[in-house]
């Protein structure tokens, strides 16, 4: 099992932003992975998408690695951030761009939210 752990650890440590997902950024294979991709694309960060469907070992390995039961999983600067729900909450609260800039990762400026009366 250590081989898959080493692979995951290497990807997490060598890429500033990594999304372990079902499918690829161009062709997400589940709704949650698709939402995560949409959010990351919208905020304009460069990230690496890793398709966990490529191997059962990887799909189980990432869950063990993070001790998190669901996919997608987002890592930023080697740190586990969370899954689709956490990403969506941070985005909707307007915290995501700030989080990336705190980590030294460039993202598009947060668009001003206009509330319609």
PDB file of N, CA and C in Angstrom:
ATOM      1  N   UNK A   1       0.817  -1.214   0.000  1.00  0.00           N
ATOM      2  CA  UNK A   1       0.000   0.000   0.000  1.00  0.00           C
ATOM      3  C   UNK A   1       0.849   1.261   0.000  1.00  0.00           C
ATOM      4  N   UNK A   2       2.113   1.137   0.411  1.00  0.00           N
ATOM      5  CA  UNK A   2       2.928   2.347   0.520  1.00  0.00           C
ATOM      6  C   UNK A   2       3.200   2.983  -0.841  1.00  0.00           C
ATOM      7  N   UNK A   3       3.200   2.174  -1.912  1.00  0.00           N
ATOM      8  CA  UNK A   3       3.452   2.732  -3.241  1.00  0.00           C
ATOM      9  C   UNK A   3       2.436   3.787  -3.624  1.00  0.00           C
ATOM     10  N   UNK A   4       1.152   3.506  -3.388  1.00  0.00           N
ATOM     11  CA  UNK A   4       0.107   4.476  -3.745  1.00  0.00           C
ATOM     12  C   UNK A   4       0.182   5.683  -2.827  1.00  0.00           C
ATOM     13  N   UNK A   5       0.525   5.459  -1.557  1.00  0.00           N
ATOM     14  CA  UNK A   5       0.687   6.569  -0.622  1.00  0.00           C
ATOM     15  C   UNK A   5       1.818   7.492  -1.056  1.00  0.00           C
ATOM     16  N   UNK A   6       2.923   6.900  -1.504  1.00  0.00           N
ATOM     17  CA  UNK A   6       4.060   7.689  -1.984  1.00  0.00           C
ATOM     18  C   UNK A   6       3.662   8.511  -3.205  1.00  0.00           C
ATOM     19  N   UNK A   7       2.902   7.890  -4.110  1.00  0.00           N
ATOM     20  CA  UNK A   7       2.440   8.594  -5.307  1.00  0.00           C
ATOM     21  C   UNK A   7       1.573   9.791  -4.915  1.00  0.00           C
ATOM     22  N   UNK A   8       0.585   9.551  -4.045  1.00  0.00           N
ATOM     23  CA  UNK A   8      -0.319  10.630  -3.618  1.00  0.00           C
ATOM     24  C   UNK A   8       0.471  11.730  -2.929  1.00  0.00           C
ATOM     25  N   UNK A   9       1.348  11.327  -2.020  1.00  0.00           N
ATOM     26  CA  UNK A   9       2.159  12.298  -1.287  1.00  0.00           C
ATOM     27  C   UNK A   9       2.996  13.150  -2.238  1.00  0.00           C
ATOM     28  N   UNK A  10       3.566  12.501  -3.249  1.00  0.00           N
ATOM     29  CA  UNK A  10       4.365  13.228  -4.240  1.00  0.00           C
ATOM     30  C   UNK A  10       3.536  14.245  -5.006  1.00  0.00           C
ATOM     31  N   UNK A  11       2.334  13.855  -5.434  1.00  0.00           N
ATOM     32  CA  UNK A  11       1.461  14.775  -6.175  1.00  0.00           C
ATOM     33  C   UNK A  11       1.027  15.946  -5.298  1.00  0.00           C
ATOM     34  N   UNK A  12       0.676  15.646  -4.050  1.00  0.00           N
ATOM     35  CA  UNK A  12       0.206  16.681  -3.125  1.00  0.00           C
ATOM     36  C   UNK A  12       1.323  17.676  -2.818  1.00  0.00           C
ATOM     37  N   UNK A  13       2.547  17.164  -2.681  1.00  0.00           N
ATOM     38  CA  UNK A  13       3.663  18.034  -2.295  1.00  0.00           C
ATOM     39  C   UNK A  13       4.257  18.796  -3.483  1.00  0.00           C
ATOM     40  N   UNK A  14       4.116  18.239  -4.709  1.00  0.00           N
ATOM     41  CA  UNK A  14       4.792  18.877  -5.841  1.00  0.00           C
ATOM     42  C   UNK A  14       3.885  19.791  -6.659  1.00  0.00           C
ATOM     43  N   UNK A  15       2.601  19.832  -6.345  1.00  0.00           N
ATOM     44  CA  UNK A  15       1.674  20.726  -7.053  1.00  0.00           C
ATOM     45  C   UNK A  15       1.007  21.643  -6.028  1.00  0.00           C
ATOM     46  N   UNK A  16       0.954  22.944  -6.336  1.00  0.00           N
ATOM     47  CA  UNK A  16       0.341  23.876  -5.388  1.00  0.00           C
ATOM     48  C   UNK A  16      -1.124  23.556  -5.138  1.00  0.00           C
ATOM     49  N   UNK A  17      -1.845  23.205  -6.197  1.00  0.00           N
ATOM     50  CA  UNK A  17      -3.271  22.911  -6.070  1.00  0.00           C
ATOM     51  C   UNK A  17      -3.547  21.609  -6.806  1.00  0.00           C
ATOM     52  N   UNK A  18      -4.070  20.623  -6.081  1.00  0.00           N
ATOM     53  CA  UNK A  18      -4.373  19.315  -6.668  1.00  0.00           C
ATOM     54  C   UNK A  18      -5.802  18.946  -6.320  1.00  0.00           C
ATOM     55  N   UNK A  19      -6.546  18.524  -7.327  1.00  0.00           N
ATOM     56  CA  UNK A  19      -7.901  18.029  -7.118  1.00  0.00           C
ATOM     57  C   UNK A  19      -7.940  16.555  -7.491  1.00  0.00           C
ATOM     58  N   UNK A  20      -8.121  15.697  -6.483  1.00  0.00           N
ATOM     59  CA  UNK A  20      -8.356  14.281  -6.745  1.00  0.00           C
ATOM     60  C   UNK A  20      -9.839  14.155  -7.036  1.00  0.00           C
ATOM     61  N   UNK A  21     -10.174  13.671  -8.223  1.00  0.00           N
ATOM     62  CA  UNK A  21     -11.552  13.732  -8.690  1.00  0.00           C
ATOM     63  C   UNK A  21     -11.916  12.496  -9.489  1.00  0.00           C
ATOM     64  N   UNK A  22     -13.207  12.329  -9.729  1.00  0.00           N
ATOM     65  CA  UNK A  22     -13.679  11.271 -10.617  1.00  0.00           C
ATOM     66  C   UNK A  22     -13.759  11.863 -12.015  1.00  0.00           C
ATOM     67  N   UNK A  23     -12.901  11.363 -12.894  1.00  0.00           N
ATOM     68  CA  UNK A  23     -12.814  11.921 -14.237  1.00  0.00           C
ATOM     69  C   UNK A  23     -11.672  12.921 -14.314  1.00  0.00           C
ATOM     70  N   UNK A  24     -11.738  13.764 -15.331  1.00  0.00           N
ATOM     71  CA  UNK A  24     -10.705  14.771 -15.556  1.00  0.00           C
ATOM     72  C   UNK A  24     -11.356  16.145 -15.552  1.00  0.00           C
ATOM     73  N   UNK A  25     -10.550  17.214 -15.427  1.00  0.00           N
ATOM     74  CA  UNK A  25     -11.156  18.555 -15.476  1.00  0.00           C
ATOM     75  C   UNK A  25     -11.989  18.791 -16.737  1.00  0.00           C
ATOM     76  N   UNK A  26     -11.580  18.208 -17.867  1.00  0.00           N
ATOM     77  CA  UNK A  26     -12.344  18.376 -19.103  1.00  0.00           C
ATOM     78  C   UNK A  26     -13.591  17.505 -19.144  1.00  0.00           C
ATOM     79  N   UNK A  27     -13.535  16.337 -18.501  1.00  0.00           N
ATOM     80  CA  UNK A  27     -14.659  15.399 -18.512  1.00  0.00           C
ATOM     81  C   UNK A  27     -14.896  14.821 -17.116  1.00  0.00           C
ATOM     82  N   UNK A  28     -15.449  15.627 -16.197  1.00  0.00           N
ATOM     83  CA  UNK A  28     -15.741  15.092 -14.863  1.00  0.00           C
ATOM     84  C   UNK A  28     -16.737  13.940 -14.969  1.00  0.00           C
ATOM     85  N   UNK A  29     -16.558  12.928 -14.134  1.00  0.00           N
ATOM     86  CA  UNK A  29     -17.403  11.739 -14.184  1.00  0.00           C
ATOM     87  C   UNK A  29     -18.427  11.677 -13.052  1.00  0.00           C
ATOM     88  N   UNK A  30     -18.526  12.729 -12.259  1.00  0.00           N
ATOM     89  CA  UNK A  30     -19.589  12.795 -11.257  1.00  0.00           C
ATOM     90  C   UNK A  30     -19.921  14.262 -11.004  1.00  0.00           C
ATOM     91  N   UNK A  31     -21.113  14.499 -10.508  1.00  0.00           N
ATOM     92  CA  UNK A  31     -21.577  15.867 -10.301  1.00  0.00           C
ATOM     93  C   UNK A  31     -20.726  16.653  -9.321  1.00  0.00           C
ATOM     94  N   UNK A  32     -20.270  15.998  -8.249  1.00  0.00           N
ATOM     95  CA  UNK A  32     -19.484  16.711  -7.246  1.00  0.00           C
ATOM     96  C   UNK A  32     -18.128  17.116  -7.808  1.00  0.00           C
ATOM     97  N   UNK A  33     -17.509  16.213  -8.566  1.00  0.00           N
ATOM     98  CA  UNK A  33     -16.234  16.561  -9.206  1.00  0.00           C
ATOM     99  C   UNK A  33     -16.449  17.694 -10.207  1.00  0.00           C
ATOM    100  N   UNK A  34     -17.573  17.628 -10.937  1.00  0.00           N
ATOM    101  CA  UNK A  34     -17.896  18.692 -11.894  1.00  0.00           C
ATOM    102  C   UNK A  34     -18.064  20.040 -11.218  1.00  0.00           C
ATOM    103  N   UNK A  35     -18.733  20.061 -10.064  1.00  0.00           N
ATOM    104  CA  UNK A  35     -18.904  21.319  -9.333  1.00  0.00           C
ATOM    105  C   UNK A  35     -17.563  21.866  -8.873  1.00  0.00           C
ATOM    106  N   UNK A  36     -16.702  20.981  -8.360  1.00  0.00           N
ATOM    107  CA  UNK A  36     -15.388  21.417  -7.888  1.00  0.00           C
ATOM    108  C   UNK A  36     -14.596  22.037  -9.036  1.00  0.00           C
ATOM    109  N   UNK A  37     -14.635  21.394 -10.208  1.00  0.00           N
ATOM    110  CA  UNK A  37     -13.944  21.909 -11.388  1.00  0.00           C
ATOM    111  C   UNK A  37     -14.503  23.284 -11.774  1.00  0.00           C
ATOM    112  N   UNK A  38     -15.832  23.413 -11.781  1.00  0.00           N
ATOM    113  CA  UNK A  38     -16.451  24.701 -12.139  1.00  0.00           C
ATOM    114  C   UNK A  38     -15.992  25.811 -11.201  1.00  0.00           C
ATOM    115  N   UNK A  39     -15.938  25.512  -9.913  1.00  0.00           N
ATOM    116  CA  UNK A  39     -15.538  26.521  -8.932  1.00  0.00           C
ATOM    117  C   UNK A  39     -14.078  26.907  -9.131  1.00  0.00           C
ATOM    118  N   UNK A  40     -13.210  25.915  -9.272  1.00  0.00           N
ATOM    119  CA  UNK A  40     -11.788  26.211  -9.456  1.00  0.00           C
ATOM    120  C   UNK A  40     -11.550  26.970 -10.758  1.00  0.00           C
ATOM    121  N   UNK A  41     -12.253  26.570 -11.821  1.00  0.00           N
ATOM    122  CA  UNK A  41     -12.116  27.284 -13.094  1.00  0.00           C
ATOM    123  C   UNK A  41     -12.625  28.722 -12.957  1.00  0.00           C
ATOM    124  N   UNK A  42     -13.720  28.892 -12.235  1.00  0.00           N
ATOM    125  CA  UNK A  42     -14.310  30.222 -12.064  1.00  0.00           C
ATOM    126  C   UNK A  42     -13.364  31.143 -11.313  1.00  0.00           C
ATOM    127  N   UNK A  43     -12.738  30.647 -10.253  1.00  0.00           N
ATOM    128  CA  UNK A  43     -11.815  31.506  -9.503  1.00  0.00           C
ATOM    129  C   UNK A  43     -10.468  31.635 -10.203  1.00  0.00           C
ATOM    130  N   UNK A  44     -10.265  30.823 -11.233  1.00  0.00           N
ATOM    131  CA  UNK A  44      -9.101  31.012 -12.095  1.00  0.00           C
ATOM    132  C   UNK A  44      -7.777  30.557 -11.524  1.00  0.00           C
ATOM    133  N   UNK A  45      -7.786  29.520 -10.704  1.00  0.00           N
ATOM    134  CA  UNK A  45      -6.510  29.002 -10.211  1.00  0.00           C
ATOM    135  C   UNK A  45      -6.032  27.872 -11.115  1.00  0.00           C
ATOM    136  N   UNK A  46      -4.717  27.768 -11.229  1.00  0.00           N
ATOM    137  CA  UNK A  46      -4.142  26.630 -11.935  1.00  0.00           C
ATOM    138  C   UNK A  46      -4.143  25.454 -10.974  1.00  0.00           C
ATOM    139  N   UNK A  47      -4.592  24.315 -11.432  1.00  0.00           N
ATOM    140  CA  UNK A  47      -4.603  23.137 -10.574  1.00  0.00           C
ATOM    141  C   UNK A  47      -4.370  21.907 -11.413  1.00  0.00           C
ATOM    142  N   UNK A  48      -3.987  20.832 -10.751  1.00  0.00           N
ATOM    143  CA  UNK A  48      -3.821  19.555 -11.420  1.00  0.00           C
ATOM    144  C   UNK A  48      -4.980  18.663 -11.011  1.00  0.00           C
ATOM    145  N   UNK A  49      -5.700  18.121 -11.980  1.00  0.00           N
ATOM    146  CA  UNK A  49      -6.763  17.166 -11.697  1.00  0.00           C
ATOM    147  C   UNK A  49      -6.216  15.757 -11.836  1.00  0.00           C
ATOM    148  N   UNK A  50      -6.479  14.921 -10.843  1.00  0.00           N
ATOM    149  CA  UNK A  50      -6.032  13.533 -10.889  1.00  0.00           C
ATOM    150  C   UNK A  50      -7.255  12.633 -10.843  1.00  0.00           C
ATOM    151  N   UNK A  51      -7.384  11.793 -11.858  1.00  0.00           N
ATOM    152  CA  UNK A  51      -8.552  10.933 -12.017  1.00  0.00           C
ATOM    153  C   UNK A  51      -8.416   9.687 -11.144  1.00  0.00           C
ATOM    154  N   UNK A  52      -9.206   9.623 -10.066  1.00  0.00           N
ATOM    155  CA  UNK A  52      -9.134   8.459  -9.170  1.00  0.00           C
ATOM    156  C   UNK A  52      -9.780   7.223  -9.782  1.00  0.00           C
ATOM    157  N   UNK A  53     -10.538   7.402 -10.863  1.00  0.00           N
ATOM    158  CA  UNK A  53     -11.149   6.249 -11.517  1.00  0.00           C
ATOM    159  C   UNK A  53     -10.125   5.451 -12.318  1.00  0.00           C
ATOM    160  N   UNK A  54      -8.914   6.021 -12.464  1.00  0.00           N
ATOM    161  CA  UNK A  54      -7.872   5.330 -13.208  1.00  0.00           C
ATOM    162  C   UNK A  54      -7.453   4.036 -12.510  1.00  0.00           C
ATOM    163  N   UNK A  55      -7.594   3.971 -11.180  1.00  0.00           N
ATOM    164  CA  UNK A  55      -7.254   2.735 -10.484  1.00  0.00           C
ATOM    165  C   UNK A  55      -8.000   2.640  -9.159  1.00  0.00           C
ATOM    166  N   UNK A  56      -8.424   1.421  -8.836  1.00  0.00           N
ATOM    167  CA  UNK A  56      -9.093   1.188  -7.553  1.00  0.00           C
ATOM    168  C   UNK A  56      -8.168   1.499  -6.396  1.00  0.00           C
ATOM    169  N   UNK A  57      -6.882   1.198  -6.590  1.00  0.00           N
ATOM    170  CA  UNK A  57      -5.903   1.448  -5.545  1.00  0.00           C
ATOM    171  C   UNK A  57      -5.824   2.942  -5.234  1.00  0.00           C
ATOM    172  N   UNK A  58      -5.829   3.753  -6.286  1.00  0.00           N
ATOM    173  CA  UNK A  58      -5.780   5.198  -6.092  1.00  0.00           C
ATOM    174  C   UNK A  58      -7.074   5.701  -5.457  1.00  0.00           C
ATOM    175  N   UNK A  59      -8.202   5.185  -5.919  1.00  0.00           N
ATOM    176  CA  UNK A  59      -9.497   5.637  -5.388  1.00  0.00           C
ATOM    177  C   UNK A  59      -9.595   5.357  -3.886  1.00  0.00           C
ATOM    178  N   UNK A  60      -9.162   4.173  -3.462  1.00  0.00           N
ATOM    179  CA  UNK A  60      -9.172   3.861  -2.027  1.00  0.00           C
ATOM    180  C   UNK A  60      -8.018   4.565  -1.312  1.00  0.00           C
ATOM    181  N   UNK A  61      -6.885   4.655  -1.995  1.00  0.00           N
ATOM    182  CA  UNK A  61      -5.690   5.238  -1.384  1.00  0.00           C
ATOM    183  C   UNK A  61      -5.889   6.684  -0.966  1.00  0.00           C
ATOM    184  N   UNK A  62      -6.592   7.479  -1.786  1.00  0.00           N
ATOM    185  CA  UNK A  62      -6.774   8.894  -1.448  1.00  0.00           C
ATOM    186  C   UNK A  62      -7.701   9.028  -0.238  1.00  0.00           C
ATOM    187  N   UNK A  63      -8.665   8.135  -0.115  1.00  0.00           N
ATOM    188  CA  UNK A  63      -9.560   8.170   1.057  1.00  0.00           C
ATOM    189  C   UNK A  63      -8.786   7.845   2.332  1.00  0.00           C
ATOM    190  N   UNK A  64      -7.882   6.871   2.236  1.00  0.00           N
ATOM    191  CA  UNK A  64      -7.054   6.513   3.384  1.00  0.00           C
ATOM    192  C   UNK A  64      -6.072   7.628   3.713  1.00  0.00           C
ATOM    193  N   UNK A  65      -5.503   8.222   2.664  1.00  0.00           N
ATOM    194  CA  UNK A  65      -4.484   9.259   2.828  1.00  0.00           C
ATOM    195  C   UNK A  65      -5.030  10.449   3.617  1.00  0.00           C
ATOM    196  N   UNK A  66      -6.239  10.868   3.257  1.00  0.00           N
ATOM    197  CA  UNK A  66      -6.828  12.059   3.871  1.00  0.00           C
ATOM    198  C   UNK A  66      -7.710  11.723   5.064  1.00  0.00           C
ATOM    199  N   UNK A  67      -8.048  10.429   5.186  1.00  0.00           N
ATOM    200  CA  UNK A  67      -9.036  10.016   6.178  1.00  0.00           C
ATOM    201  C   UNK A  67     -10.358  10.740   5.928  1.00  0.00           C
ATOM    202  N   UNK A  68     -10.691  10.887   4.656  1.00  0.00           N
ATOM    203  CA  UNK A  68     -11.909  11.576   4.211  1.00  0.00           C
ATOM    204  C   UNK A  68     -12.637  10.622   3.268  1.00  0.00           C
ATOM    205  N   UNK A  69     -13.932  10.359   3.480  1.00  0.00           N
ATOM    206  CA  UNK A  69     -14.588   9.259   2.768  1.00  0.00           C
ATOM    207  C   UNK A  69     -15.031   9.558   1.339  1.00  0.00           C
ATOM    208  N   UNK A  70     -15.030  10.814   0.944  1.00  0.00           N
ATOM    209  CA  UNK A  70     -15.616  11.136  -0.358  1.00  0.00           C
ATOM    210  C   UNK A  70     -14.611  11.777  -1.302  1.00  0.00           C
ATOM    211  N   UNK A  71     -14.969  11.765  -2.564  1.00  0.00           N
ATOM    212  CA  UNK A  71     -14.184  12.363  -3.641  1.00  0.00           C
ATOM    213  C   UNK A  71     -15.128  13.318  -4.352  1.00  0.00           C
ATOM    214  N   UNK A  72     -14.736  14.489  -4.765  1.00  0.00           N
ATOM    215  CA  UNK A  72     -13.371  15.002  -4.908  1.00  0.00           C
ATOM    216  C   UNK A  72     -12.740  15.438  -3.582  1.00  0.00           C
ATOM    217  N   UNK A  73     -11.416  15.580  -3.649  1.00  0.00           N
ATOM    218  CA  UNK A  73     -10.645  16.097  -2.530  1.00  0.00           C
ATOM    219  C   UNK A  73      -9.670  17.127  -3.059  1.00  0.00           C
ATOM    220  N   UNK A  74      -9.643  18.284  -2.388  1.00  0.00           N
ATOM    221  CA  UNK A  74      -8.770  19.375  -2.812  1.00  0.00           C
ATOM    222  C   UNK A  74      -7.622  19.541  -1.831  1.00  0.00           C
ATOM    223  N   UNK A  75      -6.422  19.629  -2.391  1.00  0.00           N
ATOM    224  CA  UNK A  75      -5.219  19.899  -1.597  1.00  0.00           C
ATOM    225  C   UNK A  75      -4.599  21.191  -2.094  1.00  0.00           C
ATOM    226  N   UNK A  76      -4.198  22.035  -1.168  1.00  0.00           N
ATOM    227  CA  UNK A  76      -3.536  23.285  -1.511  1.00  0.00           C
ATOM    228  C   UNK A  76      -2.257  23.367  -0.696  1.00  0.00           C
ATOM    229  N   UNK A  77      -1.137  23.527  -1.402  1.00  0.00           N
ATOM    230  CA  UNK A  77       0.184  23.608  -0.764  1.00  0.00           C
ATOM    231  C   UNK A  77       0.401  22.456   0.215  1.00  0.00           C
ATOM    232  N   UNK A  78       0.030  21.260  -0.204  1.00  0.00           N
ATOM    233  CA  UNK A  78       0.276  20.081   0.603  1.00  0.00           C
ATOM    234  C   UNK A  78      -0.724  19.843   1.710  1.00  0.00           C
ATOM    235  N   UNK A  79      -1.723  20.706   1.820  1.00  0.00           N
ATOM    236  CA  UNK A  79      -2.679  20.628   2.927  1.00  0.00           C
ATOM    237  C   UNK A  79      -4.056  20.225   2.392  1.00  0.00           C
ATOM    238  N   UNK A  80      -4.703  19.294   3.058  1.00  0.00           N
ATOM    239  CA  UNK A  80      -6.048  18.884   2.664  1.00  0.00           C
ATOM    240  C   UNK A  80      -7.036  19.990   3.019  1.00  0.00           C
ATOM    241  N   UNK A  81      -7.779  20.461   2.029  1.00  0.00           N
ATOM    242  CA  UNK A  81      -8.757  21.524   2.249  1.00  0.00           C
ATOM    243  C   UNK A  81     -10.135  20.926   2.498  1.00  0.00           C
ATOM    244  N   UNK A  82     -10.555  19.992   1.658  1.00  0.00           N
ATOM    245  CA  UNK A  82     -11.865  19.383   1.836  1.00  0.00           C
ATOM    246  C   UNK A  82     -12.414  18.892   0.518  1.00  0.00           C
ATOM    247  N   UNK A  83     -13.695  18.546   0.565  1.00  0.00           N
ATOM    248  CA  UNK A  83     -14.377  18.047  -0.608  1.00  0.00           C
ATOM    249  C   UNK A  83     -15.242  19.113  -1.244  1.00  0.00           C
ATOM    250  N   UNK A  84     -16.170  18.685  -2.063  1.00  0.00           N
ATOM    251  CA  UNK A  84     -17.017  19.596  -2.824  1.00  0.00           C
ATOM    252  C   UNK A  84     -17.811  20.530  -1.922  1.00  0.00           C
ATOM    253  N   UNK A  85     -18.390  19.998  -0.828  1.00  0.00           N
ATOM    254  CA  UNK A  85     -19.212  20.832   0.056  1.00  0.00           C
ATOM    255  C   UNK A  85     -18.413  21.974   0.655  1.00  0.00           C
ATOM    256  N   UNK A  86     -17.220  21.666   1.145  1.00  0.00           N
ATOM    257  CA  UNK A  86     -16.379  22.683   1.774  1.00  0.00           C
ATOM    258  C   UNK A  86     -15.957  23.711   0.740  1.00  0.00           C
ATOM    259  N   UNK A  87     -15.564  23.240  -0.431  1.00  0.00           N
ATOM    260  CA  UNK A  87     -15.165  24.136  -1.517  1.00  0.00           C
ATOM    261  C   UNK A  87     -16.317  25.065  -1.882  1.00  0.00           C
ATOM    262  N   UNK A  88     -17.524  24.496  -2.010  1.00  0.00           N
ATOM    263  CA  UNK A  88     -18.699  25.296  -2.371  1.00  0.00           C
ATOM    264  C   UNK A  88     -19.031  26.322  -1.282  1.00  0.00           C
ATOM    265  N   UNK A  89     -18.942  25.906  -0.011  1.00  0.00           N
ATOM    266  CA  UNK A  89     -19.223  26.840   1.089  1.00  0.00           C
ATOM    267  C   UNK A  89     -18.227  27.991   1.101  1.00  0.00           C
ATOM    268  N   UNK A  90     -16.942  27.674   0.931  1.00  0.00           N
ATOM    269  CA  UNK A  90     -15.911  28.730   0.909  1.00  0.00           C
ATOM    270  C   UNK A  90     -16.156  29.684  -0.256  1.00  0.00           C
ATOM    271  N   UNK A  91     -16.527  29.110  -1.408  1.00  0.00           N
ATOM    272  CA  UNK A  91     -16.788  29.923  -2.597  1.00  0.00           C
ATOM    273  C   UNK A  91     -17.992  30.839  -2.371  1.00  0.00           C
ATOM    274  N   UNK A  92     -19.097  30.262  -1.874  1.00  0.00           N
ATOM    275  CA  UNK A  92     -20.317  31.053  -1.682  1.00  0.00           C
ATOM    276  C   UNK A  92     -20.133  32.123  -0.616  1.00  0.00           C
ATOM    277  N   UNK A  93     -19.266  31.855   0.356  1.00  0.00           N
ATOM    278  CA  UNK A  93     -19.013  32.838   1.412  1.00  0.00           C
ATOM    279  C   UNK A  93     -18.003  33.897   0.966  1.00  0.00           C
ATOM    280  N   UNK A  94     -17.459  33.731  -0.262  1.00  0.00           N
ATOM    281  CA  UNK A  94     -16.475  34.684  -0.772  1.00  0.00           C
ATOM    282  C   UNK A  94     -15.108  34.524  -0.144  1.00  0.00           C
ATOM    283  N   UNK A  95     -14.834  33.353   0.428  1.00  0.00           N
ATOM    284  CA  UNK A  95     -13.558  33.129   1.130  1.00  0.00           C
ATOM    285  C   UNK A  95     -12.508  32.443   0.272  1.00  0.00           C
ATOM    286  N   UNK A  96     -12.924  31.877  -0.850  1.00  0.00           N
ATOM    287  CA  UNK A  96     -12.014  31.009  -1.588  1.00  0.00           C
ATOM    288  C   UNK A  96     -10.837  31.776  -2.200  1.00  0.00           C
ATOM    289  N   UNK A  97     -11.132  32.898  -2.866  1.00  0.00           N
ATOM    290  CA  UNK A  97     -10.039  33.660  -3.468  1.00  0.00           C
ATOM    291  C   UNK A  97      -9.050  34.134  -2.410  1.00  0.00           C
ATOM    292  N   UNK A  98      -9.566  34.603  -1.275  1.00  0.00           N
ATOM    293  CA  UNK A  98      -8.694  35.045  -0.187  1.00  0.00           C
ATOM    294  C   UNK A  98      -7.837  33.910   0.343  1.00  0.00           C
ATOM    295  N   UNK A  99      -8.441  32.742   0.442  1.00  0.00           N
ATOM    296  CA  UNK A  99      -7.706  31.562   0.896  1.00  0.00           C
ATOM    297  C   UNK A  99      -6.545  31.278  -0.050  1.00  0.00           C
ATOM    298  N   UNK A 100      -6.817  31.297  -1.365  1.00  0.00           N
ATOM    299  CA  UNK A 100      -5.746  31.039  -2.327  1.00  0.00           C
ATOM    300  C   UNK A 100      -4.673  32.115  -2.256  1.00  0.00           C
ATOM    301  N   UNK A 101      -5.073  33.389  -2.143  1.00  0.00           N
ATOM    302  CA  UNK A 101      -4.042  34.429  -2.120  1.00  0.00           C
ATOM    303  C   UNK A 101      -3.218  34.368  -0.834  1.00  0.00           C
ATOM    304  N   UNK A 102      -3.839  33.973   0.289  1.00  0.00           N
ATOM    305  CA  UNK A 102      -3.061  33.772   1.521  1.00  0.00           C
ATOM    306  C   UNK A 102      -1.996  32.702   1.328  1.00  0.00           C
ATOM    307  N   UNK A 103      -2.313  31.715   0.511  1.00  0.00           N
ATOM    308  CA  UNK A 103      -1.376  30.615   0.260  1.00  0.00           C
ATOM    309  C   UNK A 103      -0.380  30.970  -0.851  1.00  0.00           C
ATOM    310  N   UNK A 104      -0.491  32.181  -1.392  1.00  0.00           N
ATOM    311  CA  UNK A 104       0.429  32.606  -2.435  1.00  0.00           C
ATOM    312  C   UNK A 104       0.074  32.083  -3.815  1.00  0.00           C
ATOM    313  N   UNK A 105      -1.194  31.764  -4.026  1.00  0.00           N
ATOM    314  CA  UNK A 105      -1.640  31.226  -5.311  1.00  0.00           C
ATOM    315  C   UNK A 105      -2.538  32.261  -5.972  1.00  0.00           C
ATOM    316  N   UNK A 106      -2.215  32.596  -7.214  1.00  0.00           N
ATOM    317  CA  UNK A 106      -2.995  33.650  -7.859  1.00  0.00           C
ATOM    318  C   UNK A 106      -4.349  33.123  -8.309  1.00  0.00           C
ATOM    319  N   UNK A 107      -5.355  33.938  -8.041  1.00  0.00           N
ATOM    320  CA  UNK A 107      -6.720  33.643  -8.457  1.00  0.00           C
ATOM    321  C   UNK A 107      -7.312  34.940  -8.976  1.00  0.00           C
ATOM    322  N   UNK A 108      -8.375  34.823  -9.746  1.00  0.00           N
ATOM    323  CA  UNK A 108      -9.067  36.026 -10.211  1.00  0.00           C
ATOM    324  C   UNK A 108      -9.647  36.753  -9.012  1.00  0.00           C
ATOM    325  N   UNK A 109      -9.780  38.051  -9.127  1.00  0.00           N
ATOM    326  CA  UNK A 109     -10.394  38.825  -8.042  1.00  0.00           C
ATOM    327  C   UNK A 109     -11.833  38.368  -7.844  1.00  0.00           C
ATOM    328  N   UNK A 110     -12.262  38.408  -6.611  1.00  0.00           N
ATOM    329  CA  UNK A 110     -13.655  38.039  -6.287  1.00  0.00           C
ATOM    330  C   UNK A 110     -14.570  39.077  -6.923  1.00  0.00           C
ATOM    331  N   UNK A 111     -15.522  38.658  -7.750  1.00  0.00           N
ATOM    332  CA  UNK A 111     -16.434  39.632  -8.312  1.00  0.00           C
ATOM    333  C   UNK A 111     -17.322  40.178  -7.205  1.00  0.00           C
ATOM    334  N   UNK A 112     -17.681  41.439  -7.331  1.00  0.00           N
ATOM    335  CA  UNK A 112     -18.539  42.020  -6.315  1.00  0.00           C
ATOM    336  C   UNK A 112     -19.916  41.394  -6.416  1.00  0.00           C
ATOM    337  N   UNK A 113     -20.441  41.036  -5.282  1.00  0.00           N
ATOM    338  CA  UNK A 113     -21.765  40.420  -5.247  1.00  0.00           C
ATOM    339  C   UNK A 113     -22.789  41.546  -5.130  1.00  0.00           C
ATOM    340  N   UNK A 114     -23.686  41.582  -6.080  1.00  0.00           N
ATOM    341  CA  UNK A 114     -24.734  42.599  -6.044  1.00  0.00           C
ATOM    342  C   UNK A 114     -26.006  41.951  -5.561  1.00  0.00           C
ATOM    343  N   UNK A 115     -26.595  42.517  -4.547  1.00  0.00           N
ATOM    344  CA  UNK A 115     -27.865  41.943  -4.099  1.00  0.00           C
ATOM    345  C   UNK A 115     -28.997  42.704  -4.751  1.00  0.00           C
ATOM    346  N   UNK A 116     -29.848  41.945  -5.374  1.00  0.00           N
ATOM    347  CA  UNK A 116     -31.001  42.562  -6.028  1.00  0.00           C
ATOM    348  C   UNK A 116     -32.114  42.687  -4.999  1.00  0.00           C
ATOM    349  N   UNK A 117     -32.655  43.884  -4.866  1.00  0.00           N
ATOM    350  CA  UNK A 117     -33.704  44.105  -3.851  1.00  0.00           C
ATOM    351  C   UNK A 117     -35.016  43.530  -4.328  1.00  0.00           C
TER     352      UNK A 117
END
